[in-house]
C-alpha atoms as a PDB file:
ATOM      1  CA  MET A   1       0.000   0.000   0.000  1.00  0.00           C
ATOM      2  CA  PRO A   2       1.323   3.509  -0.811  1.00  0.00           C
ATOM      3  CA  LYS A   3       2.128   5.521   2.304  1.00  0.00           C
ATOM      4  CA  MET A   4       1.715   9.132   3.402  1.00  0.00           C
ATOM      5  CA  LYS A   5       2.886  11.306   6.289  1.00  0.00           C
ATOM      6  CA  ALA A   6       0.398  12.676   8.794  1.00  0.00           C
ATOM      7  CA  ALA A   7       0.557  14.592  12.079  1.00  0.00           C
ATOM      8  CA  GLN A   8      -1.886  12.961  14.475  1.00  0.00           C
ATOM      9  CA  VAL A   9      -2.960  13.266  18.096  1.00  0.00           C
ATOM     10  CA  SER A  10      -3.418   9.849  19.732  1.00  0.00           C
ATOM     11  CA  LYS A  11      -5.127  10.912  22.970  1.00  0.00           C
ATOM     12  CA  PRO A  12      -6.461  14.019  24.708  1.00  0.00           C
ATOM     13  CA  HIS A  13      -3.587  16.323  25.770  1.00  0.00           C
ATOM     14  CA  GLY A  14      -1.212  14.116  23.808  1.00  0.00           C
ATOM     15  CA  PRO A  15       1.637  15.377  21.605  1.00  0.00           C
ATOM     16  CA  PHE A  16       1.581  15.640  17.837  1.00  0.00           C
ATOM     17  CA  GLU A  17       3.043  12.481  16.326  1.00  0.00           C
ATOM     18  CA  LEU A  18       4.435  12.420  12.808  1.00  0.00           C
ATOM     19  CA  VAL A  19       3.394   9.012  11.518  1.00  0.00           C
ATOM     20  CA  GLU A  20       3.317   7.043   8.308  1.00  0.00           C
ATOM     21  CA  ARG A  21      -0.121   5.821   7.243  1.00  0.00           C
ATOM     22  CA  ASP A  22      -1.650   4.053   4.268  1.00  0.00           C
ATOM     23  CA  ILE A  23      -3.000   6.568   1.754  1.00  0.00           C
ATOM     24  CA  PRO A  24      -6.780   6.359   2.309  1.00  0.00           C
ATOM     25  CA  GLN A  25      -9.198   5.315  -0.418  1.00  0.00           C
ATOM     26  CA  PRO A  26     -12.342   7.372  -1.122  1.00  0.00           C
ATOM     27  CA  GLY A  27     -15.688   5.698  -0.506  1.00  0.00           C
ATOM     28  CA  PRO A  28     -19.052   6.532  -2.082  1.00  0.00           C
ATOM     29  CA  HIS A  29     -19.862  10.261  -2.189  1.00  0.00           C
ATOM     30  CA  THR A  30     -16.331  11.249  -1.053  1.00  0.00           C
ATOM     31  CA  VAL A  31     -13.160  12.491  -2.726  1.00  0.00           C
ATOM     32  CA  ARG A  32      -9.481  12.166  -1.908  1.00  0.00           C
ATOM     33  CA  ILE A  33      -7.524  15.402  -1.764  1.00  0.00           C
ATOM     34  CA  LYS A  34      -3.765  15.726  -2.124  1.00  0.00           C
ATOM     35  CA  VAL A  35      -3.148  18.392   0.474  1.00  0.00           C
ATOM     36  CA  GLU A  36      -0.871  21.283  -0.471  1.00  0.00           C
ATOM     37  CA  ALA A  37      -1.433  23.485   2.593  1.00  0.00           C
ATOM     38  CA  CYS A  38      -3.434  23.423   5.816  1.00  0.00           C
ATOM     39  CA  GLY A  39      -3.986  26.291   8.201  1.00  0.00           C
ATOM     40  CA  VAL A  40      -3.448  25.877  11.938  1.00  0.00           C
ATOM     41  CA  CYS A  41      -6.520  27.274  13.680  1.00  0.00           C
ATOM     42  CA  HIS A  42      -7.141  27.921  17.373  1.00  0.00           C
ATOM     43  CA  SER A  43     -10.101  25.523  17.110  1.00  0.00           C
ATOM     44  CA  ASP A  44      -7.585  22.696  16.626  1.00  0.00           C
ATOM     45  CA  VAL A  45      -7.289  22.832  20.411  1.00  0.00           C
ATOM     46  CA  LEU A  46     -10.558  20.860  20.440  1.00  0.00           C
ATOM     47  CA  VAL A  47      -8.636  17.847  19.136  1.00  0.00           C
ATOM     48  CA  LYS A  48      -5.336  18.491  20.884  1.00  0.00           C
ATOM     49  CA  GLU A  49      -6.916  18.813  24.323  1.00  0.00           C
ATOM     50  CA  GLY A  50      -9.885  16.466  23.825  1.00  0.00           C
ATOM     51  CA  ILE A  51     -12.482  19.190  24.386  1.00  0.00           C
ATOM     52  CA  TRP A  52     -14.917  18.137  21.646  1.00  0.00           C
ATOM     53  CA  PRO A  53     -17.281  15.489  23.048  1.00  0.00           C
ATOM     54  CA  GLY A  54     -17.199  12.039  21.530  1.00  0.00           C
ATOM     55  CA  LEU A  55     -13.906  12.408  19.672  1.00  0.00           C
ATOM     56  CA  SER A  56     -12.275   9.193  18.523  1.00  0.00           C
ATOM     57  CA  TYR A  57      -8.487   8.892  18.490  1.00  0.00           C
ATOM     58  CA  PRO A  58      -6.031   8.887  16.868  1.00  0.00           C
ATOM     59  CA  ARG A  59      -7.215  11.942  14.970  1.00  0.00           C
ATOM     60  CA  VAL A  60      -5.546  14.134  12.344  1.00  0.00           C
ATOM     61  CA  PRO A  61      -6.655  17.768  12.904  1.00  0.00           C
ATOM     62  CA  GLY A  62      -6.967  20.514  10.315  1.00  0.00           C
ATOM     63  CA  HIS A  63      -9.975  22.255   8.759  1.00  0.00           C
ATOM     64  CA  GLU A  64      -8.301  24.872   6.530  1.00  0.00           C
ATOM     65  CA  VAL A  65      -7.316  22.596   3.683  1.00  0.00           C
ATOM     66  CA  ALA A  66      -6.126  23.618   0.216  1.00  0.00           C
ATOM     67  CA  GLY A  67      -5.091  21.114  -2.433  1.00  0.00           C
ATOM     68  CA  ARG A  68      -6.172  19.152  -5.488  1.00  0.00           C
ATOM     69  CA  ILE A  69      -8.589  16.286  -5.955  1.00  0.00           C
ATOM     70  CA  ASP A  70      -6.589  13.123  -6.354  1.00  0.00           C
ATOM     71  CA  ALA A  71      -9.292  10.441  -6.642  1.00  0.00           C
ATOM     72  CA  LEU A  72     -13.084  10.231  -6.806  1.00  0.00           C
ATOM     73  CA  GLY A  73     -15.357   7.876  -4.923  1.00  0.00           C
ATOM     74  CA  ALA A  74     -18.297   6.134  -6.520  1.00  0.00           C
ATOM     75  CA  GLU A  75     -21.263   8.341  -7.435  1.00  0.00           C
ATOM     76  CA  VAL A  76     -19.262  11.584  -7.297  1.00  0.00           C
ATOM     77  CA  THR A  77     -20.139  13.535 -10.430  1.00  0.00           C
ATOM     78  CA  GLN A  78     -19.578  17.209  -9.571  1.00  0.00           C
ATOM     79  CA  TRP A  79     -15.780  17.065  -9.188  1.00  0.00           C
ATOM     80  CA  LYS A  80     -12.870  16.068 -11.418  1.00  0.00           C
ATOM     81  CA  ALA A  81      -9.438  14.657 -10.690  1.00  0.00           C
ATOM     82  CA  GLY A  82      -6.822  17.402 -10.648  1.00  0.00           C
ATOM     83  CA  GLN A  83      -9.294  20.149  -9.715  1.00  0.00           C
ATOM     84  CA  ARG A  84      -8.101  22.754  -7.200  1.00  0.00           C
ATOM     85  CA  VAL A  85     -10.280  22.646  -4.097  1.00  0.00           C
ATOM     86  CA  GLY A  86     -10.495  23.507  -0.441  1.00  0.00           C
ATOM     87  CA  VAL A  87     -12.267  22.141   2.620  1.00  0.00           C
ATOM     88  CA  GLY A  88     -13.233  24.223   5.645  1.00  0.00           C
ATOM     89  CA  TRP A  89     -14.837  23.769   9.068  1.00  0.00           C
ATOM     90  CA  HIS A  90     -18.135  22.530   7.651  1.00  0.00           C
ATOM     91  CA  GLY A  91     -17.443  18.913   6.778  1.00  0.00           C
ATOM     92  CA  GLY A  92     -20.825  17.778   5.508  1.00  0.00           C
ATOM     93  CA  HIS A  93     -24.499  17.567   6.363  1.00  0.00           C
ATOM     94  CA  CYS A  94     -27.264  14.973   6.489  1.00  0.00           C
ATOM     95  CA  PHE A  95     -29.697  16.486   3.919  1.00  0.00           C
ATOM     96  CA  VAL A  96     -32.720  15.218   5.918  1.00  0.00           C
ATOM     97  CA  CYS A  97     -33.003  17.212   9.190  1.00  0.00           C
ATOM     98  CA  ASP A  98     -35.245  20.296   9.302  1.00  0.00           C
ATOM     99  CA  PRO A  99     -32.441  22.860   8.710  1.00  0.00           C
ATOM    100  CA  CYS A 100     -31.154  20.819   5.750  1.00  0.00           C
ATOM    101  CA  ARG A 101     -34.653  20.537   4.282  1.00  0.00           C
ATOM    102  CA  ARG A 102     -34.804  24.343   4.422  1.00  0.00           C
ATOM    103  CA  GLY A 103     -31.404  24.560   2.700  1.00  0.00           C
ATOM    104  CA  ASP A 104     -29.663  25.887   5.839  1.00  0.00           C
ATOM    105  CA  PHE A 105     -26.897  23.294   5.774  1.00  0.00           C
ATOM    106  CA  ILE A 106     -24.543  25.087   8.154  1.00  0.00           C
ATOM    107  CA  LEU A 107     -27.124  24.516  10.914  1.00  0.00           C
ATOM    108  CA  CYS A 108     -27.557  20.804  10.122  1.00  0.00           C
ATOM    109  CA  ALA A 109     -28.491  18.891  13.269  1.00  0.00           C
ATOM    110  CA  ASN A 110     -26.074  16.128  12.247  1.00  0.00           C
ATOM    111  CA  ARG A 111     -23.342  18.238  10.695  1.00  0.00           C
ATOM    112  CA  LYS A 112     -19.775  17.007  10.543  1.00  0.00           C
ATOM    113  CA  VAL A 113     -16.685  19.067  11.272  1.00  0.00           C
ATOM    114  CA  THR A 114     -13.506  18.560   9.274  1.00  0.00           C
ATOM    115  CA  GLY A 115     -10.676  17.312  11.477  1.00  0.00           C
ATOM    116  CA  LEU A 116     -13.083  16.352  14.264  1.00  0.00           C
ATOM    117  CA  HIS A 117     -15.553  13.870  12.819  1.00  0.00           C
ATOM    118  CA  PHE A 118     -13.016  12.651  10.262  1.00  0.00           C
ATOM    119  CA  ASP A 119      -9.302  13.173   9.685  1.00  0.00           C
ATOM    120  CA  GLY A 120      -8.336  16.611   8.458  1.00  0.00           C
ATOM    121  CA  GLY A 121      -5.537  18.330   6.631  1.00  0.00           C
ATOM    122  CA  TYR A 122      -2.458  17.808   8.811  1.00  0.00           C
ATOM    123  CA  ALA A 123      -1.558  15.096   6.298  1.00  0.00           C
ATOM    124  CA  GLU A 124      -0.413  14.638   2.720  1.00  0.00           C
ATOM    125  CA  TYR A 125      -3.821  13.213   1.725  1.00  0.00           C
ATOM    126  CA  MET A 126      -7.318  13.355   3.201  1.00  0.00           C
ATOM    127  CA  ILE A 127     -10.826  12.112   2.423  1.00  0.00           C
ATOM    128  CA  ALA A 128     -13.726  14.591   2.375  1.00  0.00           C
ATOM    129  CA  PRO A 129     -17.459  14.301   1.677  1.00  0.00           C
ATOM    130  CA  ALA A 130     -18.203  15.646  -1.788  1.00  0.00           C
ATOM    131  CA  GLU A 131     -20.658  18.239  -0.427  1.00  0.00           C
ATOM    132  CA  ALA A 132     -17.942  19.707   1.837  1.00  0.00           C
ATOM    133  CA  VAL A 133     -15.582  20.555  -1.042  1.00  0.00           C
ATOM    134  CA  ALA A 134     -15.190  24.072  -2.466  1.00  0.00           C
ATOM    135  CA  ALA A 135     -13.720  24.972  -5.868  1.00  0.00           C
ATOM    136  CA  MET A 136     -10.629  27.184  -5.595  1.00  0.00           C
ATOM    137  CA  PRO A 137      -9.605  29.878  -8.086  1.00  0.00           C
ATOM    138  CA  GLU A 138      -6.292  29.380  -9.850  1.00  0.00           C
ATOM    139  CA  GLU A 139      -5.160  32.872  -8.836  1.00  0.00           C
ATOM    140  CA  LEU A 140      -4.870  31.949  -5.152  1.00  0.00           C
ATOM    141  CA  ASP A 141      -1.702  30.457  -3.726  1.00  0.00           C
ATOM    142  CA  ALA A 142      -2.558  27.342  -1.699  1.00  0.00           C
ATOM    143  CA  ALA A 143      -0.841  28.559   1.471  1.00  0.00           C
ATOM    144  CA  GLU A 144      -2.679  31.889   1.311  1.00  0.00           C
ATOM    145  CA  ALA A 145      -5.984  30.244   0.423  1.00  0.00           C
ATOM    146  CA  ALA A 146      -5.960  27.813   3.359  1.00  0.00           C
ATOM    147  CA  PRO A 147      -6.778  30.344   6.148  1.00  0.00           C
ATOM    148  CA  LEU A 148      -9.537  31.813   4.000  1.00  0.00           C
ATOM    149  CA  LEU A 149     -11.427  28.531   4.477  1.00  0.00           C
ATOM    150  CA  CYS A 150     -11.957  29.283   8.178  1.00  0.00           C
ATOM    151  CA  ALA A 151     -10.845  32.747   9.300  1.00  0.00           C
ATOM    152  CA  GLY A 152     -11.714  34.138   5.873  1.00  0.00           C
ATOM    153  CA  ILE A 153     -15.165  32.634   5.458  1.00  0.00           C
ATOM    154  CA  THR A 154     -16.058  33.424   9.080  1.00  0.00           C
ATOM    155  CA  THR A 155     -15.419  37.141   8.656  1.00  0.00           C
ATOM    156  CA  TYR A 156     -16.551  37.506   5.021  1.00  0.00           C
ATOM    157  CA  ASN A 157     -19.728  35.465   5.346  1.00  0.00           C
ATOM    158  CA  SER A 158     -20.794  37.079   8.613  1.00  0.00           C
ATOM    159  CA  LEU A 159     -20.228  40.605   7.298  1.00  0.00           C
ATOM    160  CA  ARG A 160     -22.092  40.075   4.047  1.00  0.00           C
ATOM    161  CA  ASN A 161     -25.109  38.757   5.988  1.00  0.00           C
ATOM    162  CA  ALA A 162     -25.095  41.367   8.758  1.00  0.00           C
ATOM    163  CA  GLY A 163     -27.407  43.881   7.077  1.00  0.00           C
ATOM    164  CA  ALA A 164     -24.894  46.697   6.550  1.00  0.00           C
ATOM    165  CA  ARG A 165     -24.840  48.580   3.241  1.00  0.00           C
ATOM    166  CA  SER A 166     -22.019  50.291   1.398  1.00  0.00           C
ATOM    167  CA  GLY A 167     -21.197  53.531   3.196  1.00  0.00           C
ATOM    168  CA  ASP A 168     -22.337  52.289   6.603  1.00  0.00           C
ATOM    169  CA  THR A 169     -19.928  52.371   9.516  1.00  0.00           C
ATOM    170  CA  VAL A 170     -18.579  48.924  10.373  1.00  0.00           C
ATOM    171  CA  ALA A 171     -16.125  48.456  13.234  1.00  0.00           C
ATOM    172  CA  VAL A 172     -13.766  45.505  13.583  1.00  0.00           C
ATOM    173  CA  GLN A 173     -12.671  44.713  17.139  1.00  0.00           C
ATOM    174  CA  GLY A 174      -9.278  43.023  17.265  1.00  0.00           C
ATOM    175  CA  ILE A 175      -6.451  42.970  14.739  1.00  0.00           C
ATOM    176  CA  GLY A 176      -5.411  39.339  14.828  1.00  0.00           C
ATOM    177  CA  GLY A 177      -6.045  36.221  12.791  1.00  0.00           C
ATOM    178  CA  LEU A 178      -9.711  37.032  12.212  1.00  0.00           C
ATOM    179  CA  GLY A 179      -9.565  40.796  12.542  1.00  0.00           C
ATOM    180  CA  HIS A 180      -6.838  41.444   9.975  1.00  0.00           C
ATOM    181  CA  LEU A 181      -9.057  39.716   7.403  1.00  0.00           C
ATOM    182  CA  GLY A 182     -12.242  41.356   8.674  1.00  0.00           C
ATOM    183  CA  ILE A 183     -10.736  44.806   8.103  1.00  0.00           C
ATOM    184  CA  GLN A 184      -9.817  43.901   4.531  1.00  0.00           C
ATOM    185  CA  TYR A 185     -13.270  42.514   3.752  1.00  0.00           C
ATOM    186  CA  ALA A 186     -15.090  45.446   5.343  1.00  0.00           C
ATOM    187  CA  HIS A 187     -13.020  47.921   3.350  1.00  0.00           C
ATOM    188  CA  ARG A 188     -13.543  46.110   0.062  1.00  0.00           C
ATOM    189  CA  MET A 189     -17.284  45.779   0.684  1.00  0.00           C
ATOM    190  CA  GLY A 190     -17.491  49.567   0.738  1.00  0.00           C
ATOM    191  CA  PHE A 191     -18.051  50.128   4.456  1.00  0.00           C
ATOM    192  CA  ARG A 192     -16.571  53.013   6.420  1.00  0.00           C
ATOM    193  CA  THR A 193     -14.192  50.731   8.264  1.00  0.00           C
ATOM    194  CA  VAL A 194     -13.139  51.411  11.854  1.00  0.00           C
ATOM    195  CA  ALA A 195     -10.463  49.205  13.413  1.00  0.00           C
ATOM    196  CA  ILE A 196     -10.405  48.854  17.200  1.00  0.00           C
ATOM    197  CA  GLY A 197      -7.195  47.718  18.891  1.00  0.00           C
ATOM    198  CA  ARG A 198      -5.721  48.033  22.362  1.00  0.00           C
ATOM    199  CA  GLY A 199      -2.927  50.507  21.766  1.00  0.00           C
ATOM    200  CA  LYS A 200      -1.590  52.738  19.008  1.00  0.00           C
ATOM    201  CA  ASP A 201       0.997  50.168  17.938  1.00  0.00           C
ATOM    202  CA  LYS A 202      -1.312  48.509  15.398  1.00  0.00           C
ATOM    203  CA  GLU A 203      -2.726  51.653  13.843  1.00  0.00           C
ATOM    204  CA  ALA A 204      -0.331  51.717  10.899  1.00  0.00           C
ATOM    205  CA  LEU A 205      -1.061  48.086  10.078  1.00  0.00           C
ATOM    206  CA  ALA A 206      -4.818  48.587  10.429  1.00  0.00           C
ATOM    207  CA  ARG A 207      -4.731  51.495   7.993  1.00  0.00           C
ATOM    208  CA  GLN A 208      -2.556  49.488   5.625  1.00  0.00           C
ATOM    209  CA  LEU A 209      -5.201  46.746   5.683  1.00  0.00           C
ATOM    210  CA  GLY A 210      -7.904  49.246   4.765  1.00  0.00           C
ATOM    211  CA  ALA A 211      -9.186  50.872   7.967  1.00  0.00           C
ATOM    212  CA  ASP A 212     -10.452  54.419   7.457  1.00  0.00           C
ATOM    213  CA  LEU A 213     -10.267  55.158  11.179  1.00  0.00           C
ATOM    214  CA  TYR A 214      -8.521  53.618  14.155  1.00  0.00           C
ATOM    215  CA  ILE A 215      -9.529  53.575  17.827  1.00  0.00           C
ATOM    216  CA  ALA A 216      -7.021  52.648  20.549  1.00  0.00           C
ATOM    217  CA  GLY A 217      -9.093  51.155  23.351  1.00  0.00           C
ATOM    218  CA  ALA A 218      -6.411  51.776  25.971  1.00  0.00           C
ATOM    219  CA  GLU A 219      -6.492  55.522  25.297  1.00  0.00           C
ATOM    220  CA  SER A 220     -10.199  56.222  24.757  1.00  0.00           C
ATOM    221  CA  ASP A 221     -13.665  54.728  25.144  1.00  0.00           C
ATOM    222  CA  PRO A 222     -14.339  52.868  21.863  1.00  0.00           C
ATOM    223  CA  ALA A 223     -18.118  52.987  22.336  1.00  0.00           C
ATOM    224  CA  ALA A 224     -18.050  56.754  22.825  1.00  0.00           C
ATOM    225  CA  GLU A 225     -15.756  57.201  19.827  1.00  0.00           C
ATOM    226  CA  LEU A 226     -18.123  55.146  17.666  1.00  0.00           C
ATOM    227  CA  GLN A 227     -21.070  57.257  18.809  1.00  0.00           C
ATOM    228  CA  LYS A 228     -19.198  60.390  17.673  1.00  0.00           C
ATOM    229  CA  LEU A 229     -19.362  58.810  14.203  1.00  0.00           C
ATOM    230  CA  GLY A 230     -23.091  58.202  14.521  1.00  0.00           C
ATOM    231  CA  GLY A 231     -22.738  54.670  15.849  1.00  0.00           C
ATOM    232  CA  ALA A 232     -21.716  51.484  14.088  1.00  0.00           C
ATOM    233  CA  ARG A 233     -24.177  49.569  11.966  1.00  0.00           C
ATOM    234  CA  VAL A 234     -22.106  46.468  12.730  1.00  0.00           C
ATOM    235  CA  VAL A 235     -19.331  45.741  15.206  1.00  0.00           C
ATOM    236  CA  LEU A 236     -17.486  42.593  14.148  1.00  0.00           C
ATOM    237  CA  ALA A 237     -16.103  41.176  17.403  1.00  0.00           C
ATOM    238  CA  THR A 238     -13.099  38.991  16.614  1.00  0.00           C
ATOM    239  CA  ALA A 239     -10.900  39.168  19.750  1.00  0.00           C
ATOM    240  CA  PRO A 240     -12.196  36.563  22.261  1.00  0.00           C
ATOM    241  CA  ASP A 241     -12.557  38.914  25.225  1.00  0.00           C
ATOM    242  CA  ALA A 242     -16.074  39.082  26.688  1.00  0.00           C
ATOM    243  CA  ARG A 243     -15.520  42.382  28.557  1.00  0.00           C
ATOM    244  CA  SER A 244     -14.189  44.073  25.434  1.00  0.00           C
ATOM    245  CA  MET A 245     -17.113  42.786  23.361  1.00  0.00           C
ATOM    246  CA  GLU A 246     -19.843  43.858  25.772  1.00  0.00           C
ATOM    247  CA  SER A 247     -18.331  47.337  26.128  1.00  0.00           C
ATOM    248  CA  LEU A 248     -18.879  47.879  22.408  1.00  0.00           C
ATOM    249  CA  ILE A 249     -22.647  47.405  22.529  1.00  0.00           C
ATOM    250  CA  GLY A 250     -22.845  51.055  23.551  1.00  0.00           C
ATOM    251  CA  GLY A 251     -21.158  51.977  20.272  1.00  0.00           C
ATOM    252  CA  LEU A 252     -23.895  50.540  18.080  1.00  0.00           C
ATOM    253  CA  ALA A 253     -26.187  52.719  16.008  1.00  0.00           C
ATOM    254  CA  PRO A 254     -29.963  52.192  16.361  1.00  0.00           C
ATOM    255  CA  GLY A 255     -30.698  48.880  14.677  1.00  0.00           C
ATOM    256  CA  GLY A 256     -27.026  47.938  14.922  1.00  0.00           C
ATOM    257  CA  THR A 257     -25.564  44.482  15.471  1.00  0.00           C
ATOM    258  CA  LEU A 258     -22.753  43.197  17.656  1.00  0.00           C
ATOM    259  CA  LEU A 259     -21.600  40.317  15.478  1.00  0.00           C
ATOM    260  CA  VAL A 260     -19.617  37.801  17.522  1.00  0.00           C
ATOM    261  CA  VAL A 261     -17.204  35.543  15.614  1.00  0.00           C
ATOM    262  CA  GLY A 262     -14.463  35.227  18.240  1.00  0.00           C
ATOM    263  CA  ALA A 263     -15.374  32.794  21.031  1.00  0.00           C
ATOM    264  CA  PRO A 264     -14.677  34.143  24.556  1.00  0.00           C
ATOM    265  CA  ALA A 265     -14.521  31.654  27.410  1.00  0.00           C
ATOM    266  CA  GLU A 266     -16.633  33.896  29.661  1.00  0.00           C
ATOM    267  CA  PRO A 267     -20.312  34.866  29.207  1.00  0.00           C
ATOM    268  CA  ILE A 268     -21.136  38.190  27.542  1.00  0.00           C
ATOM    269  CA  SER A 269     -23.302  40.476  29.706  1.00  0.00           C
ATOM    270  CA  PHE A 270     -25.468  43.250  28.309  1.00  0.00           C
ATOM    271  CA  ASN A 271     -28.158  45.761  29.227  1.00  0.00           C
ATOM    272  CA  ALA A 272     -31.392  44.428  27.717  1.00  0.00           C
ATOM    273  CA  ILE A 273     -33.094  47.836  27.976  1.00  0.00           C
ATOM    274  CA  GLY A 274     -30.595  49.358  25.552  1.00  0.00           C
ATOM    275  CA  LEU A 275     -31.067  46.528  23.071  1.00  0.00           C
ATOM    276  CA  LEU A 276     -34.858  46.787  23.341  1.00  0.00           C
ATOM    277  CA  PHE A 277     -35.211  50.539  22.860  1.00  0.00           C
ATOM    278  CA  ASN A 278     -32.590  50.750  20.125  1.00  0.00           C
ATOM    279  CA  ARG A 279     -33.678  47.550  18.358  1.00  0.00           C
ATOM    280  CA  GLN A 280     -30.125  46.246  18.471  1.00  0.00           C
ATOM    281  CA  ARG A 281     -28.907  42.687  18.137  1.00  0.00           C
ATOM    282  CA  LEU A 282     -26.279  40.449  19.654  1.00  0.00           C
ATOM    283  CA  GLN A 283     -25.617  37.779  17.031  1.00  0.00           C
ATOM    284  CA  GLY A 284     -23.232  34.890  16.500  1.00  0.00           C
ATOM    285  CA  TRP A 285     -22.238  33.493  13.137  1.00  0.00           C
ATOM    286  CA  PRO A 286     -20.782  30.082  12.219  1.00  0.00           C
ATOM    287  CA  SER A 287     -18.454  29.885   9.246  1.00  0.00           C
ATOM    288  CA  GLY A 288     -20.489  28.658   6.266  1.00  0.00           C
ATOM    289  CA  THR A 289     -20.985  25.892   3.742  1.00  0.00           C
ATOM    290  CA  ALA A 290     -18.708  24.867   0.899  1.00  0.00           C
ATOM    291  CA  LYS A 291     -20.578  27.268  -1.403  1.00  0.00           C
ATOM    292  CA  ASP A 292     -19.904  30.090   1.063  1.00  0.00           C
ATOM    293  CA  SER A 293     -16.237  29.058   0.981  1.00  0.00           C
ATOM    294  CA  GLU A 294     -16.272  29.350  -2.816  1.00  0.00           C
ATOM    295  CA  ASP A 295     -17.766  32.838  -2.547  1.00  0.00           C
ATOM    296  CA  THR A 296     -15.090  33.801  -0.024  1.00  0.00           C
ATOM    297  CA  LEU A 297     -12.269  32.489  -2.210  1.00  0.00           C
ATOM    298  CA  ASN A 298     -13.635  34.164  -5.348  1.00  0.00           C
ATOM    299  CA  PHE A 299     -14.179  37.516  -3.602  1.00  0.00           C
ATOM    300  CA  SER A 300     -10.665  37.353  -2.145  1.00  0.00           C
ATOM    301  CA  ALA A 301      -9.130  36.562  -5.516  1.00  0.00           C
ATOM    302  CA  LEU A 302     -11.094  39.383  -7.148  1.00  0.00           C
ATOM    303  CA  THR A 303     -10.365  42.085  -4.570  1.00  0.00           C
ATOM    304  CA  GLY A 304      -6.881  41.125  -3.379  1.00  0.00           C
ATOM    305  CA  VAL A 305      -7.745  40.075   0.178  1.00  0.00           C
ATOM    306  CA  ARG A 306      -4.924  37.897   1.496  1.00  0.00           C
ATOM    307  CA  PRO A 307      -4.006  36.624   4.960  1.00  0.00           C
ATOM    308  CA  MET A 308      -0.661  37.382   6.554  1.00  0.00           C
ATOM    309  CA  ILE A 309       0.868  33.955   7.142  1.00  0.00           C
ATOM    310  CA  GLU A 310       3.808  32.061   8.590  1.00  0.00           C
ATOM    311  CA  LYS A 311       4.680  28.748   6.922  1.00  0.00           C
ATOM    312  CA  PHE A 312       5.862  25.547   8.603  1.00  0.00           C
ATOM    313  CA  PRO A 313       6.510  22.160   6.952  1.00  0.00           C
ATOM    314  CA  LEU A 314       4.225  19.304   7.998  1.00  0.00           C
ATOM    315  CA  GLU A 315       7.115  17.776   9.945  1.00  0.00           C
ATOM    316  CA  LYS A 316       7.054  20.867  12.208  1.00  0.00           C
ATOM    317  CA  ALA A 317       3.327  20.613  13.045  1.00  0.00           C
ATOM    318  CA  ALA A 318       4.046  20.701  16.787  1.00  0.00           C
ATOM    319  CA  ASP A 319       6.077  23.906  16.417  1.00  0.00           C
ATOM    320  CA  ALA A 320       3.389  25.444  14.203  1.00  0.00           C
ATOM    321  CA  TYR A 321       0.683  24.672  16.763  1.00  0.00           C
ATOM    322  CA  LYS A 322       2.824  26.088  19.576  1.00  0.00           C
ATOM    323  CA  GLN A 323       3.383  29.295  17.592  1.00  0.00           C
ATOM    324  CA  MET A 324      -0.375  29.666  17.204  1.00  0.00           C
ATOM    325  CA  ILE A 325      -1.508  28.648  20.688  1.00  0.00           C
ATOM    326  CA  GLN A 326       0.999  30.963  22.384  1.00  0.00           C
ATOM    327  CA  GLY A 327      -0.292  33.918  20.375  1.00  0.00           C
ATOM    328  CA  ARG A 328       3.000  34.560  18.589  1.00  0.00           C
ATOM    329  CA  ALA A 329       1.633  34.115  15.047  1.00  0.00           C
ATOM    330  CA  ARG A 330       1.284  37.143  12.816  1.00  0.00           C
ATOM    331  CA  PHE A 331      -1.351  36.298  11.895  1.00  0.00           C
ATOM    332  CA  ARG A 332      -2.084  32.787  10.569  1.00  0.00           C
ATOM    333  CA  VAL A 333       0.122  29.705  10.695  1.00  0.00           C
ATOM    334  CA  VAL A 334       0.032  27.352   7.694  1.00  0.00           C
ATOM    335  CA  LEU A 335       1.462  23.855   7.229  1.00  0.00           C
ATOM    336  CA  THR A 336       2.831  23.136   3.766  1.00  0.00           C
ATOM    337  CA  MET A 337       3.324  19.711   2.223  1.00  0.00           C
END
C-alpha cells in the first residue's frame, strides 16, 4: 500500500506524532484530496486537548485545507481529478433534518466538522465528503488560500449577511487572525471601516489593511468614539474577550448588530433595555458551507484580500501549533506539504 505522512494526536492532551499511514481510499460520495497546505486554527485545540465530546483517536486535525482532488469515490459527479479545491470547518451535512430541508446546511443537526468527525488536513492526503468541497480559483496560492477557508469565510460570510450597506460604519474589534481579514473585507465591501485595537501600535497596520479610522481602546472609550461617528451599523467582534465585546454594545447605532465571531470563554453580559429601545442585536455566526467558501475564495481573488501567514513544513506541526496557541503568530500559521 502507498504511504503518506500525517501529524496525528493519539489521545487528549497528547503530543503531535508524525506518523506514516496508508494513503486512504475514497468511498461513495467522497473524494481524496492531495493536500498542499493546511492552516493551523485555534479551534484545533478541540482535538489536541480532547475538548470536543465524543472524539475518537487517533485523529488528524486541520480544517483549513487547500489542495487538489486526487481520486473520486463512486457516485461523485460534480468534481474532477486534478481540480483545485479547499475544505473548511463545515465537513458535511445529512440532507434530511429540518435545517437541511430548508437549505440551511450550516445549521444541520447532524453536521460534521472537518478534522473532528473525520481526519483533516495535517496530512499529505485526506478524504472529504463531496458536499464539503469548495472549488478554488487558480489565482490563489494554496498557502494563502488555506486560512480563507476558516478565518476568511467566518469574517466575510458574517459581514455580508449582517445587514450593513455600502457607506455604513462597520467596526472591527481586534487585529489578529480574524480581525486582519475582517478589516480587509469590510473595506472592500465599501463600508466606512473602523479598526479597534488596544494601543496605538497597530494603527499603521490597520490602515494598511484598509481601515479608514482607528480607535485605541487603551487611550479612549471605543463605544463613545463610535457614537461620535453616529454609531456602528455592525461591530465585528473577533478578539475573544467578553468584557471588550460587551463594552462595544454602547457603540452601536440604532438597529445595529454586535456580530460575535471570536469565542470568549466567559459569558457576555449586556443591558437588555438598551437593546430593546434601540432595536439592536447580539448575534453569533458560524463559518459557512462549501458554497460560502467558494464565494469567499472568489471575492478574495477578485479584490486582493490575502491573509498574513507564517509557513511551517508538515514535519514541524508541533512547532506550528505552539506558535499559534501561544499567540505569537502574525497572523495565521500554515502547514505546507
